[in-house]
């Protein structure tokens, strides 16, 4: 019967820790003749996923190696991809038109690079 009470109290303790969260902090320093060779700062947070999200910690949701919902690095979320592609296209056309007008590096193929439009 004492084992049941201990198991229940351990479960209660674990539930309380996950609900409230606990932070364990420690520093390890290695010195040789008053010269600091190595410093390791340890920070450990133990909390439930819900509690971590309440605190603003959700890095695992954005890491592609941990979440299938996360986008690979370099991809932009939502319809923003198309907006950026369109802006990039317009800027390239503008650059080609400016180079054609100034006789710059793209002057030879400037009109075709600008989508067949002459600079205004």
PDB file of N, CA and C in Angstrom:
ATOM      1  N   UNK A   1       0.814  -1.194   0.000  1.00  0.00           N
ATOM      2  CA  UNK A   1       0.000   0.000   0.000  1.00  0.00           C
ATOM      3  C   UNK A   1       0.861   1.262   0.000  1.00  0.00           C
ATOM      4  N   UNK A   2       2.025   1.182   0.605  1.00  0.00           N
ATOM      5  CA  UNK A   2       2.905   2.346   0.617  1.00  0.00           C
ATOM      6  C   UNK A   2       3.404   2.636  -0.791  1.00  0.00           C
ATOM      7  N   UNK A   3       3.601   1.569  -1.601  1.00  0.00           N
ATOM      8  CA  UNK A   3       4.040   1.744  -2.988  1.00  0.00           C
ATOM      9  C   UNK A   3       2.996   2.460  -3.820  1.00  0.00           C
ATOM     10  N   UNK A   4       1.689   2.200  -3.572  1.00  0.00           N
ATOM     11  CA  UNK A   4       0.624   2.878  -4.293  1.00  0.00           C
ATOM     12  C   UNK A   4       0.622   4.363  -3.989  1.00  0.00           C
ATOM     13  N   UNK A   5       0.804   4.696  -2.719  1.00  0.00           N
ATOM     14  CA  UNK A   5       0.809   6.103  -2.323  1.00  0.00           C
ATOM     15  C   UNK A   5       2.009   6.824  -2.931  1.00  0.00           C
ATOM     16  N   UNK A   6       3.166   6.152  -2.949  1.00  0.00           N
ATOM     17  CA  UNK A   6       4.354   6.756  -3.530  1.00  0.00           C
ATOM     18  C   UNK A   6       4.171   6.942  -5.033  1.00  0.00           C
ATOM     19  N   UNK A   7       3.580   5.960  -5.735  1.00  0.00           N
ATOM     20  CA  UNK A   7       3.332   6.068  -7.159  1.00  0.00           C
ATOM     21  C   UNK A   7       2.368   7.196  -7.465  1.00  0.00           C
ATOM     22  N   UNK A   8       1.332   7.336  -6.653  1.00  0.00           N
ATOM     23  CA  UNK A   8       0.366   8.411  -6.850  1.00  0.00           C
ATOM     24  C   UNK A   8       1.019   9.770  -6.612  1.00  0.00           C
ATOM     25  N   UNK A   9       1.837   9.865  -5.590  1.00  0.00           N
ATOM     26  CA  UNK A   9       2.467  11.156  -5.316  1.00  0.00           C
ATOM     27  C   UNK A   9       3.487  11.497  -6.407  1.00  0.00           C
ATOM     28  N   UNK A  10       4.156  10.498  -6.978  1.00  0.00           N
ATOM     29  CA  UNK A  10       5.089  10.746  -8.068  1.00  0.00           C
ATOM     30  C   UNK A  10       4.332  11.223  -9.311  1.00  0.00           C
ATOM     31  N   UNK A  11       3.189  10.592  -9.588  1.00  0.00           N
ATOM     32  CA  UNK A  11       2.356  11.011 -10.719  1.00  0.00           C
ATOM     33  C   UNK A  11       1.828  12.424 -10.494  1.00  0.00           C
ATOM     34  N   UNK A  12       1.412  12.737  -9.255  1.00  0.00           N
ATOM     35  CA  UNK A  12       0.946  14.093  -8.940  1.00  0.00           C
ATOM     36  C   UNK A  12       2.067  15.110  -9.127  1.00  0.00           C
ATOM     37  N   UNK A  13       3.263  14.755  -8.681  1.00  0.00           N
ATOM     38  CA  UNK A  13       4.409  15.652  -8.815  1.00  0.00           C
ATOM     39  C   UNK A  13       4.724  15.899 -10.289  1.00  0.00           C
ATOM     40  N   UNK A  14       4.743  14.832 -11.096  1.00  0.00           N
ATOM     41  CA  UNK A  14       5.019  14.980 -12.520  1.00  0.00           C
ATOM     42  C   UNK A  14       3.946  15.820 -13.206  1.00  0.00           C
ATOM     43  N   UNK A  15       2.685  15.595 -12.851  1.00  0.00           N
ATOM     44  CA  UNK A  15       1.590  16.390 -13.424  1.00  0.00           C
ATOM     45  C   UNK A  15       1.739  17.859 -13.057  1.00  0.00           C
ATOM     46  N   UNK A  16       2.094  18.134 -11.824  1.00  0.00           N
ATOM     47  CA  UNK A  16       2.268  19.520 -11.369  1.00  0.00           C
ATOM     48  C   UNK A  16       3.442  20.185 -12.087  1.00  0.00           C
ATOM     49  N   UNK A  17       4.538  19.452 -12.260  1.00  0.00           N
ATOM     50  CA  UNK A  17       5.705  20.015 -12.953  1.00  0.00           C
ATOM     51  C   UNK A  17       5.364  20.334 -14.397  1.00  0.00           C
ATOM     52  N   UNK A  18       4.686  19.401 -15.081  1.00  0.00           N
ATOM     53  CA  UNK A  18       4.341  19.635 -16.481  1.00  0.00           C
ATOM     54  C   UNK A  18       3.322  20.760 -16.628  1.00  0.00           C
ATOM     55  N   UNK A  19       2.436  20.896 -15.667  1.00  0.00           N
ATOM     56  CA  UNK A  19       1.417  21.945 -15.722  1.00  0.00           C
ATOM     57  C   UNK A  19       2.032  23.319 -15.481  1.00  0.00           C
ATOM     58  N   UNK A  20       2.863  23.436 -14.478  1.00  0.00           N
ATOM     59  CA  UNK A  20       3.453  24.736 -14.127  1.00  0.00           C
ATOM     60  C   UNK A  20       4.743  24.999 -14.885  1.00  0.00           C
ATOM     61  N   UNK A  21       5.529  23.955 -15.111  1.00  0.00           N
ATOM     62  CA  UNK A  21       6.834  24.107 -15.739  1.00  0.00           C
ATOM     63  C   UNK A  21       7.900  24.293 -14.683  1.00  0.00           C
ATOM     64  N   UNK A  22       9.104  23.873 -15.003  1.00  0.00           N
ATOM     65  CA  UNK A  22      10.236  24.037 -14.100  1.00  0.00           C
ATOM     66  C   UNK A  22      11.460  24.377 -14.937  1.00  0.00           C
ATOM     67  N   UNK A  23      12.270  25.278 -14.441  1.00  0.00           N
ATOM     68  CA  UNK A  23      13.495  25.674 -15.136  1.00  0.00           C
ATOM     69  C   UNK A  23      14.673  25.300 -14.257  1.00  0.00           C
ATOM     70  N   UNK A  24      15.632  24.612 -14.872  1.00  0.00           N
ATOM     71  CA  UNK A  24      16.859  24.245 -14.170  1.00  0.00           C
ATOM     72  C   UNK A  24      18.000  24.947 -14.895  1.00  0.00           C
ATOM     73  N   UNK A  25      18.805  25.704 -14.141  1.00  0.00           N
ATOM     74  CA  UNK A  25      19.870  26.514 -14.717  1.00  0.00           C
ATOM     75  C   UNK A  25      21.187  26.119 -14.075  1.00  0.00           C
ATOM     76  N   UNK A  26      22.218  26.025 -14.896  1.00  0.00           N
ATOM     77  CA  UNK A  26      23.533  25.721 -14.349  1.00  0.00           C
ATOM     78  C   UNK A  26      24.627  26.175 -15.294  1.00  0.00           C
ATOM     79  N   UNK A  27      25.784  26.485 -14.738  1.00  0.00           N
ATOM     80  CA  UNK A  27      26.955  26.883 -15.525  1.00  0.00           C
ATOM     81  C   UNK A  27      28.112  25.975 -15.153  1.00  0.00           C
ATOM     82  N   UNK A  28      28.868  25.560 -16.157  1.00  0.00           N
ATOM     83  CA  UNK A  28      30.070  24.767 -15.935  1.00  0.00           C
ATOM     84  C   UNK A  28      31.231  25.579 -16.489  1.00  0.00           C
ATOM     85  N   UNK A  29      32.223  25.819 -15.659  1.00  0.00           N
ATOM     86  CA  UNK A  29      33.398  26.580 -16.100  1.00  0.00           C
ATOM     87  C   UNK A  29      34.646  25.765 -15.856  1.00  0.00           C
ATOM     88  N   UNK A  30      35.523  25.770 -16.842  1.00  0.00           N
ATOM     89  CA  UNK A  30      36.800  25.078 -16.724  1.00  0.00           C
ATOM     90  C   UNK A  30      37.892  26.138 -16.776  1.00  0.00           C
ATOM     91  N   UNK A  31      38.654  26.256 -15.685  1.00  0.00           N
ATOM     92  CA  UNK A  31      39.739  27.236 -15.586  1.00  0.00           C
ATOM     93  C   UNK A  31      41.059  26.513 -15.374  1.00  0.00           C
ATOM     94  N   UNK A  32      42.113  27.072 -15.932  1.00  0.00           N
ATOM     95  CA  UNK A  32      43.457  26.566 -15.716  1.00  0.00           C
ATOM     96  C   UNK A  32      44.347  27.760 -15.406  1.00  0.00           C
ATOM     97  N   UNK A  33      44.861  27.816 -14.202  1.00  0.00           N
ATOM     98  CA  UNK A  33      45.706  28.926 -13.759  1.00  0.00           C
ATOM     99  C   UNK A  33      45.032  30.271 -13.981  1.00  0.00           C
ATOM    100  N   UNK A  34      43.795  30.392 -13.537  1.00  0.00           N
ATOM    101  CA  UNK A  34      42.996  31.616 -13.644  1.00  0.00           C
ATOM    102  C   UNK A  34      42.712  32.034 -15.087  1.00  0.00           C
ATOM    103  N   UNK A  35      42.833  31.095 -16.021  1.00  0.00           N
ATOM    104  CA  UNK A  35      42.477  31.357 -17.424  1.00  0.00           C
ATOM    105  C   UNK A  35      41.250  30.510 -17.729  1.00  0.00           C
ATOM    106  N   UNK A  36      40.212  31.191 -18.139  1.00  0.00           N
ATOM    107  CA  UNK A  36      38.972  30.478 -18.438  1.00  0.00           C
ATOM    108  C   UNK A  36      39.116  29.791 -19.791  1.00  0.00           C
ATOM    109  N   UNK A  37      39.068  28.470 -19.795  1.00  0.00           N
ATOM    110  CA  UNK A  37      39.207  27.702 -21.022  1.00  0.00           C
ATOM    111  C   UNK A  37      37.868  27.378 -21.662  1.00  0.00           C
ATOM    112  N   UNK A  38      36.867  27.139 -20.831  1.00  0.00           N
ATOM    113  CA  UNK A  38      35.588  26.696 -21.360  1.00  0.00           C
ATOM    114  C   UNK A  38      34.472  27.096 -20.403  1.00  0.00           C
ATOM    115  N   UNK A  39      33.385  27.597 -20.962  1.00  0.00           N
ATOM    116  CA  UNK A  39      32.185  27.890 -20.181  1.00  0.00           C
ATOM    117  C   UNK A  39      31.003  27.277 -20.901  1.00  0.00           C
ATOM    118  N   UNK A  40      30.253  26.487 -20.191  1.00  0.00           N
ATOM    119  CA  UNK A  40      29.041  25.875 -20.736  1.00  0.00           C
ATOM    120  C   UNK A  40      27.871  26.337 -19.882  1.00  0.00           C
ATOM    121  N   UNK A  41      26.898  26.978 -20.520  1.00  0.00           N
ATOM    122  CA  UNK A  41      25.702  27.431 -19.816  1.00  0.00           C
ATOM    123  C   UNK A  41      24.576  26.471 -20.150  1.00  0.00           C
ATOM    124  N   UNK A  42      24.001  25.877 -19.137  1.00  0.00           N
ATOM    125  CA  UNK A  42      22.928  24.912 -19.304  1.00  0.00           C
ATOM    126  C   UNK A  42      21.608  25.515 -18.852  1.00  0.00           C
ATOM    127  N   UNK A  43      20.607  25.414 -19.701  1.00  0.00           N
ATOM    128  CA  UNK A  43      19.265  25.868 -19.368  1.00  0.00           C
ATOM    129  C   UNK A  43      18.313  24.746 -19.754  1.00  0.00           C
ATOM    130  N   UNK A  44      17.557  24.240 -18.808  1.00  0.00           N
ATOM    131  CA  UNK A  44      16.639  23.150 -19.066  1.00  0.00           C
ATOM    132  C   UNK A  44      15.244  23.562 -18.626  1.00  0.00           C
ATOM    133  N   UNK A  45      14.297  23.461 -19.530  1.00  0.00           N
ATOM    134  CA  UNK A  45      12.907  23.771 -19.228  1.00  0.00           C
ATOM    135  C   UNK A  45      12.104  22.494 -19.381  1.00  0.00           C
ATOM    136  N   UNK A  46      11.407  22.117 -18.345  1.00  0.00           N
ATOM    137  CA  UNK A  46      10.536  20.944 -18.394  1.00  0.00           C
ATOM    138  C   UNK A  46       9.112  21.448 -18.233  1.00  0.00           C
ATOM    139  N   UNK A  47       8.300  21.224 -19.274  1.00  0.00           N
ATOM    140  CA  UNK A  47       6.907  21.682 -19.241  1.00  0.00           C
ATOM    141  C   UNK A  47       6.127  20.881 -20.272  1.00  0.00           C
ATOM    142  N   UNK A  48       4.834  20.934 -20.167  1.00  0.00           N
ATOM    143  CA  UNK A  48       3.989  20.282 -21.172  1.00  0.00           C
ATOM    144  C   UNK A  48       4.023  21.115 -22.450  1.00  0.00           C
ATOM    145  N   UNK A  49       3.635  20.506 -23.550  1.00  0.00           N
ATOM    146  CA  UNK A  49       3.618  21.207 -24.833  1.00  0.00           C
ATOM    147  C   UNK A  49       2.665  22.400 -24.756  1.00  0.00           C
ATOM    148  N   UNK A  50       1.506  22.198 -24.151  1.00  0.00           N
ATOM    149  CA  UNK A  50       0.541  23.292 -24.040  1.00  0.00           C
ATOM    150  C   UNK A  50       1.108  24.446 -23.226  1.00  0.00           C
ATOM    151  N   UNK A  51       1.767  24.135 -22.129  1.00  0.00           N
ATOM    152  CA  UNK A  51       2.352  25.177 -21.281  1.00  0.00           C
ATOM    153  C   UNK A  51       3.478  25.903 -22.031  1.00  0.00           C
ATOM    154  N   UNK A  52       4.282  25.158 -22.771  1.00  0.00           N
ATOM    155  CA  UNK A  52       5.370  25.779 -23.543  1.00  0.00           C
ATOM    156  C   UNK A  52       4.798  26.738 -24.582  1.00  0.00           C
ATOM    157  N   UNK A  53       3.720  26.336 -25.258  1.00  0.00           N
ATOM    158  CA  UNK A  53       3.090  27.215 -26.242  1.00  0.00           C
ATOM    159  C   UNK A  53       2.551  28.479 -25.591  1.00  0.00           C
ATOM    160  N   UNK A  54       1.994  28.353 -24.376  1.00  0.00           N
ATOM    161  CA  UNK A  54       1.513  29.533 -23.652  1.00  0.00           C
ATOM    162  C   UNK A  54       2.647  30.502 -23.374  1.00  0.00           C
ATOM    163  N   UNK A  55       3.860  29.971 -23.177  1.00  0.00           N
ATOM    164  CA  UNK A  55       5.026  30.809 -22.897  1.00  0.00           C
ATOM    165  C   UNK A  55       5.678  31.323 -24.174  1.00  0.00           C
ATOM    166  N   UNK A  56       5.132  30.924 -25.339  1.00  0.00           N
ATOM    167  CA  UNK A  56       5.671  31.398 -26.608  1.00  0.00           C
ATOM    168  C   UNK A  56       6.790  30.531 -27.152  1.00  0.00           C
ATOM    169  N   UNK A  57       6.927  29.328 -26.639  1.00  0.00           N
ATOM    170  CA  UNK A  57       7.968  28.421 -27.107  1.00  0.00           C
ATOM    171  C   UNK A  57       7.313  27.376 -27.997  1.00  0.00           C
ATOM    172  N   UNK A  58       7.622  27.430 -29.296  1.00  0.00           N
ATOM    173  CA  UNK A  58       7.033  26.469 -30.221  1.00  0.00           C
ATOM    174  C   UNK A  58       7.964  26.173 -31.393  1.00  0.00           C
ATOM    175  N   UNK A  59       9.273  26.181 -31.136  1.00  0.00           N
ATOM    176  CA  UNK A  59      10.255  26.022 -32.197  1.00  0.00           C
ATOM    177  C   UNK A  59      10.114  24.692 -32.925  1.00  0.00           C
ATOM    178  N   UNK A  60       9.623  23.663 -32.287  1.00  0.00           N
ATOM    179  CA  UNK A  60       9.493  22.351 -32.934  1.00  0.00           C
ATOM    180  C   UNK A  60       8.452  22.356 -34.054  1.00  0.00           C
ATOM    181  N   UNK A  61       7.513  23.307 -34.024  1.00  0.00           N
ATOM    182  CA  UNK A  61       6.493  23.378 -35.064  1.00  0.00           C
ATOM    183  C   UNK A  61       7.038  23.966 -36.360  1.00  0.00           C
ATOM    184  N   UNK A  62       8.151  24.690 -36.280  1.00  0.00           N
ATOM    185  CA  UNK A  62       8.707  25.369 -37.446  1.00  0.00           C
ATOM    186  C   UNK A  62       9.965  24.693 -37.973  1.00  0.00           C
ATOM    187  N   UNK A  63      10.371  23.601 -37.350  1.00  0.00           N
ATOM    188  CA  UNK A  63      11.569  22.879 -37.767  1.00  0.00           C
ATOM    189  C   UNK A  63      11.170  21.733 -38.697  1.00  0.00           C
ATOM    190  N   UNK A  64      11.564  21.790 -39.986  1.00  0.00           N
ATOM    191  CA  UNK A  64      11.146  20.753 -40.942  1.00  0.00           C
ATOM    192  C   UNK A  64      11.583  19.345 -40.556  1.00  0.00           C
ATOM    193  N   UNK A  65      12.656  19.218 -39.785  1.00  0.00           N
ATOM    194  CA  UNK A  65      13.107  17.882 -39.383  1.00  0.00           C
ATOM    195  C   UNK A  65      12.268  17.310 -38.249  1.00  0.00           C
ATOM    196  N   UNK A  66      11.459  18.147 -37.602  1.00  0.00           N
ATOM    197  CA  UNK A  66      10.635  17.683 -36.485  1.00  0.00           C
ATOM    198  C   UNK A  66       9.141  17.696 -36.781  1.00  0.00           C
ATOM    199  N   UNK A  67       8.712  18.474 -37.775  1.00  0.00           N
ATOM    200  CA  UNK A  67       7.297  18.607 -38.059  1.00  0.00           C
ATOM    201  C   UNK A  67       7.043  18.526 -39.563  1.00  0.00           C
ATOM    202  N   UNK A  68       6.094  17.686 -39.947  1.00  0.00           N
ATOM    203  CA  UNK A  68       5.762  17.580 -41.368  1.00  0.00           C
ATOM    204  C   UNK A  68       5.006  18.807 -41.857  1.00  0.00           C
ATOM    205  N   UNK A  69       4.473  19.603 -40.944  1.00  0.00           N
ATOM    206  CA  UNK A  69       3.740  20.816 -41.314  1.00  0.00           C
ATOM    207  C   UNK A  69       4.668  22.002 -41.550  1.00  0.00           C
ATOM    208  N   UNK A  70       5.921  21.885 -41.096  1.00  0.00           N
ATOM    209  CA  UNK A  70       6.873  22.982 -41.270  1.00  0.00           C
ATOM    210  C   UNK A  70       7.355  22.994 -42.713  1.00  0.00           C
ATOM    211  N   UNK A  71       7.601  24.194 -43.236  1.00  0.00           N
ATOM    212  CA  UNK A  71       8.091  24.335 -44.615  1.00  0.00           C
ATOM    213  C   UNK A  71       9.607  24.318 -44.611  1.00  0.00           C
ATOM    214  N   UNK A  72      10.213  23.736 -45.638  1.00  0.00           N
ATOM    215  CA  UNK A  72      11.677  23.739 -45.730  1.00  0.00           C
ATOM    216  C   UNK A  72      12.222  25.162 -45.760  1.00  0.00           C
ATOM    217  N   UNK A  73      13.452  25.317 -45.329  1.00  0.00           N
ATOM    218  CA  UNK A  73      14.088  26.633 -45.300  1.00  0.00           C
ATOM    219  C   UNK A  73      14.098  27.234 -46.691  1.00  0.00           C
ATOM    220  N   UNK A  74      13.836  28.507 -46.784  1.00  0.00           N
ATOM    221  CA  UNK A  74      13.840  29.197 -48.064  1.00  0.00           C
ATOM    222  C   UNK A  74      12.459  29.347 -48.671  1.00  0.00           C
ATOM    223  N   UNK A  75      11.499  28.560 -48.216  1.00  0.00           N
ATOM    224  CA  UNK A  75      10.141  28.694 -48.738  1.00  0.00           C
ATOM    225  C   UNK A  75       9.394  29.734 -47.912  1.00  0.00           C
ATOM    226  N   UNK A  76       8.545  30.473 -48.571  1.00  0.00           N
ATOM    227  CA  UNK A  76       7.761  31.495 -47.901  1.00  0.00           C
ATOM    228  C   UNK A  76       6.330  30.997 -47.799  1.00  0.00           C
ATOM    229  N   UNK A  77       5.688  31.269 -46.676  1.00  0.00           N
ATOM    230  CA  UNK A  77       4.345  30.734 -46.431  1.00  0.00           C
ATOM    231  C   UNK A  77       3.277  31.420 -47.279  1.00  0.00           C
ATOM    232  N   UNK A  78       2.222  30.659 -47.565  1.00  0.00           N
ATOM    233  CA  UNK A  78       1.014  31.192 -48.200  1.00  0.00           C
ATOM    234  C   UNK A  78       1.202  31.634 -49.630  1.00  0.00           C
ATOM    235  N   UNK A  79       0.351  32.584 -50.079  1.00  0.00           N
ATOM    236  CA  UNK A  79       0.392  33.096 -51.440  1.00  0.00           C
ATOM    237  C   UNK A  79       1.510  34.106 -51.629  1.00  0.00           C
ATOM    238  N   UNK A  80       2.308  34.301 -50.634  1.00  0.00           N
ATOM    239  CA  UNK A  80       3.407  35.257 -50.704  1.00  0.00           C
ATOM    240  C   UNK A  80       4.422  34.840 -51.768  1.00  0.00           C
ATOM    241  N   UNK A  81       4.525  33.528 -52.047  1.00  0.00           N
ATOM    242  CA  UNK A  81       5.450  33.055 -53.084  1.00  0.00           C
ATOM    243  C   UNK A  81       5.152  33.718 -54.420  1.00  0.00           C
ATOM    244  N   UNK A  82       3.884  33.705 -54.825  1.00  0.00           N
ATOM    245  CA  UNK A  82       3.501  34.278 -56.120  1.00  0.00           C
ATOM    246  C   UNK A  82       3.763  35.774 -56.144  1.00  0.00           C
ATOM    247  N   UNK A  83       3.488  36.450 -55.037  1.00  0.00           N
ATOM    248  CA  UNK A  83       3.740  37.899 -54.974  1.00  0.00           C
ATOM    249  C   UNK A  83       5.215  38.194 -55.177  1.00  0.00           C
ATOM    250  N   UNK A  84       6.078  37.416 -54.517  1.00  0.00           N
ATOM    251  CA  UNK A  84       7.515  37.637 -54.643  1.00  0.00           C
ATOM    252  C   UNK A  84       8.008  37.323 -56.049  1.00  0.00           C
ATOM    253  N   UNK A  85       7.482  36.275 -56.658  1.00  0.00           N
ATOM    254  CA  UNK A  85       7.865  35.950 -58.032  1.00  0.00           C
ATOM    255  C   UNK A  85       7.460  37.064 -58.991  1.00  0.00           C
ATOM    256  N   UNK A  86       6.252  37.600 -58.815  1.00  0.00           N
ATOM    257  CA  UNK A  86       5.776  38.684 -59.681  1.00  0.00           C
ATOM    258  C   UNK A  86       6.625  39.939 -59.483  1.00  0.00           C
ATOM    259  N   UNK A  87       6.935  40.271 -58.240  1.00  0.00           N
ATOM    260  CA  UNK A  87       7.767  41.436 -57.976  1.00  0.00           C
ATOM    261  C   UNK A  87       9.161  41.247 -58.576  1.00  0.00           C
ATOM    262  N   UNK A  88       9.694  40.046 -58.453  1.00  0.00           N
ATOM    263  CA  UNK A  88      11.003  39.743 -59.024  1.00  0.00           C
ATOM    264  C   UNK A  88      10.978  39.917 -60.542  1.00  0.00           C
ATOM    265  N   UNK A  89       9.931  39.436 -61.201  1.00  0.00           N
ATOM    266  CA  UNK A  89       9.801  39.565 -62.650  1.00  0.00           C
ATOM    267  C   UNK A  89       9.762  41.038 -63.057  1.00  0.00           C
ATOM    268  N   UNK A  90       8.942  41.844 -62.329  1.00  0.00           N
ATOM    269  CA  UNK A  90       8.849  43.279 -62.651  1.00  0.00           C
ATOM    270  C   UNK A  90      10.192  43.977 -62.459  1.00  0.00           C
ATOM    271  N   UNK A  91      10.887  43.633 -61.404  1.00  0.00           N
ATOM    272  CA  UNK A  91      12.184  44.269 -61.158  1.00  0.00           C
ATOM    273  C   UNK A  91      13.203  43.895 -62.235  1.00  0.00           C
ATOM    274  N   UNK A  92      13.170  42.640 -62.695  1.00  0.00           N
ATOM    275  CA  UNK A  92      14.076  42.226 -63.764  1.00  0.00           C
ATOM    276  C   UNK A  92      13.780  42.990 -65.052  1.00  0.00           C
ATOM    277  N   UNK A  93      12.492  43.150 -65.349  1.00  0.00           N
ATOM    278  CA  UNK A  93      12.113  43.911 -66.553  1.00  0.00           C
ATOM    279  C   UNK A  93      12.585  45.348 -66.446  1.00  0.00           C
ATOM    280  N   UNK A  94      12.404  45.928 -65.282  1.00  0.00           N
ATOM    281  CA  UNK A  94      12.819  47.323 -65.072  1.00  0.00           C
ATOM    282  C   UNK A  94      14.331  47.476 -65.190  1.00  0.00           C
ATOM    283  N   UNK A  95      15.057  46.516 -64.613  1.00  0.00           N
ATOM    284  CA  UNK A  95      16.511  46.551 -64.688  1.00  0.00           C
ATOM    285  C   UNK A  95      16.978  46.427 -66.138  1.00  0.00           C
ATOM    286  N   UNK A  96      16.375  45.511 -66.892  1.00  0.00           N
ATOM    287  CA  UNK A  96      16.747  45.339 -68.304  1.00  0.00           C
ATOM    288  C   UNK A  96      16.460  46.618 -69.085  1.00  0.00           C
ATOM    289  N   UNK A  97      15.327  47.274 -68.803  1.00  0.00           N
ATOM    290  CA  UNK A  97      14.980  48.518 -69.500  1.00  0.00           C
ATOM    291  C   UNK A  97      15.979  49.616 -69.159  1.00  0.00           C
ATOM    292  N   UNK A  98      16.369  49.710 -67.898  1.00  0.00           N
ATOM    293  CA  UNK A  98      17.346  50.731 -67.490  1.00  0.00           C
ATOM    294  C   UNK A  98      18.710  50.467 -68.131  1.00  0.00           C
ATOM    295  N   UNK A  99      19.109  49.193 -68.180  1.00  0.00           N
ATOM    296  CA  UNK A  99      20.385  48.856 -68.798  1.00  0.00           C
ATOM    297  C   UNK A  99      20.355  49.152 -70.294  1.00  0.00           C
ATOM    298  N   UNK A 100      19.225  48.880 -70.948  1.00  0.00           N
ATOM    299  CA  UNK A 100      19.099  49.160 -72.384  1.00  0.00           C
ATOM    300  C   UNK A 100      19.173  50.664 -72.635  1.00  0.00           C
ATOM    301  N   UNK A 101      18.547  51.453 -71.797  1.00  0.00           N
ATOM    302  CA  UNK A 101      18.530  52.911 -71.966  1.00  0.00           C
ATOM    303  C   UNK A 101      19.907  53.518 -71.717  1.00  0.00           C
ATOM    304  N   UNK A 102      20.670  52.934 -70.801  1.00  0.00           N
ATOM    305  CA  UNK A 102      21.972  53.515 -70.464  1.00  0.00           C
ATOM    306  C   UNK A 102      23.110  52.885 -71.252  1.00  0.00           C
ATOM    307  N   UNK A 103      22.802  51.854 -72.068  1.00  0.00           N
ATOM    308  CA  UNK A 103      23.862  51.184 -72.822  1.00  0.00           C
ATOM    309  C   UNK A 103      24.695  50.298 -71.920  1.00  0.00           C
ATOM    310  N   UNK A 104      24.120  49.842 -70.815  1.00  0.00           N
ATOM    311  CA  UNK A 104      24.827  49.004 -69.843  1.00  0.00           C
ATOM    312  C   UNK A 104      25.002  47.581 -70.323  1.00  0.00           C
ATOM    313  N   UNK A 105      25.343  46.654 -69.397  1.00  0.00           N
ATOM    314  CA  UNK A 105      25.663  45.282 -69.761  1.00  0.00           C
ATOM    315  C   UNK A 105      24.535  44.548 -70.478  1.00  0.00           C
ATOM    316  N   UNK A 106      23.296  44.850 -70.227  1.00  0.00           N
ATOM    317  CA  UNK A 106      22.194  44.158 -70.881  1.00  0.00           C
ATOM    318  C   UNK A 106      21.651  44.910 -72.068  1.00  0.00           C
ATOM    319  N   UNK A 107      22.396  45.870 -72.598  1.00  0.00           N
ATOM    320  CA  UNK A 107      21.886  46.738 -73.664  1.00  0.00           C
ATOM    321  C   UNK A 107      21.611  45.987 -74.952  1.00  0.00           C
ATOM    322  N   UNK A 108      22.409  44.971 -75.264  1.00  0.00           N
ATOM    323  CA  UNK A 108      22.230  44.255 -76.521  1.00  0.00           C
ATOM    324  C   UNK A 108      20.905  43.516 -76.560  1.00  0.00           C
ATOM    325  N   UNK A 109      20.528  42.876 -75.467  1.00  0.00           N
ATOM    326  CA  UNK A 109      19.263  42.145 -75.460  1.00  0.00           C
ATOM    327  C   UNK A 109      18.251  42.793 -74.553  1.00  0.00           C
ATOM    328  N   UNK A 110      18.382  44.078 -74.312  1.00  0.00           N
ATOM    329  CA  UNK A 110      17.539  44.779 -73.348  1.00  0.00           C
ATOM    330  C   UNK A 110      16.070  44.747 -73.666  1.00  0.00           C
ATOM    331  N   UNK A 111      15.690  44.967 -74.948  1.00  0.00           N
ATOM    332  CA  UNK A 111      14.272  45.029 -75.296  1.00  0.00           C
ATOM    333  C   UNK A 111      13.624  43.674 -75.132  1.00  0.00           C
ATOM    334  N   UNK A 112      14.321  42.596 -75.519  1.00  0.00           N
ATOM    335  CA  UNK A 112      13.722  41.275 -75.381  1.00  0.00           C
ATOM    336  C   UNK A 112      13.700  40.849 -73.924  1.00  0.00           C
ATOM    337  N   UNK A 113      14.706  41.238 -73.143  1.00  0.00           N
ATOM    338  CA  UNK A 113      14.728  40.880 -71.721  1.00  0.00           C
ATOM    339  C   UNK A 113      13.634  41.624 -70.973  1.00  0.00           C
ATOM    340  N   UNK A 114      13.238  42.769 -71.488  1.00  0.00           N
ATOM    341  CA  UNK A 114      12.200  43.555 -70.822  1.00  0.00           C
ATOM    342  C   UNK A 114      10.813  43.149 -71.278  1.00  0.00           C
ATOM    343  N   UNK A 115      10.705  42.001 -71.924  1.00  0.00           N
ATOM    344  CA  UNK A 115       9.394  41.533 -72.356  1.00  0.00           C
ATOM    345  C   UNK A 115       8.967  42.197 -73.634  1.00  0.00           C
ATOM    346  N   UNK A 116       9.913  42.703 -74.450  1.00  0.00           N
ATOM    347  CA  UNK A 116       9.577  43.300 -75.737  1.00  0.00           C
ATOM    348  C   UNK A 116       9.134  44.747 -75.612  1.00  0.00           C
ATOM    349  N   UNK A 117       9.210  45.320 -74.439  1.00  0.00           N
ATOM    350  CA  UNK A 117       8.774  46.702 -74.254  1.00  0.00           C
ATOM    351  C   UNK A 117       9.968  47.625 -74.347  1.00  0.00           C
ATOM    352  N   UNK A 118       9.784  48.747 -74.925  1.00  0.00           N
ATOM    353  CA  UNK A 118      10.809  49.767 -74.975  1.00  0.00           C
ATOM    354  C   UNK A 118      10.744  50.571 -73.689  1.00  0.00           C
ATOM    355  N   UNK A 119      11.875  51.040 -73.177  1.00  0.00           N
ATOM    356  CA  UNK A 119      11.861  51.837 -71.941  1.00  0.00           C
ATOM    357  C   UNK A 119      11.083  53.122 -72.131  1.00  0.00           C
ATOM    358  N   UNK A 120      10.418  53.524 -71.061  1.00  0.00           N
ATOM    359  CA  UNK A 120       9.617  54.761 -71.110  1.00  0.00           C
ATOM    360  C   UNK A 120      10.333  55.908 -70.454  1.00  0.00           C
TER     361      UNK A 120
END
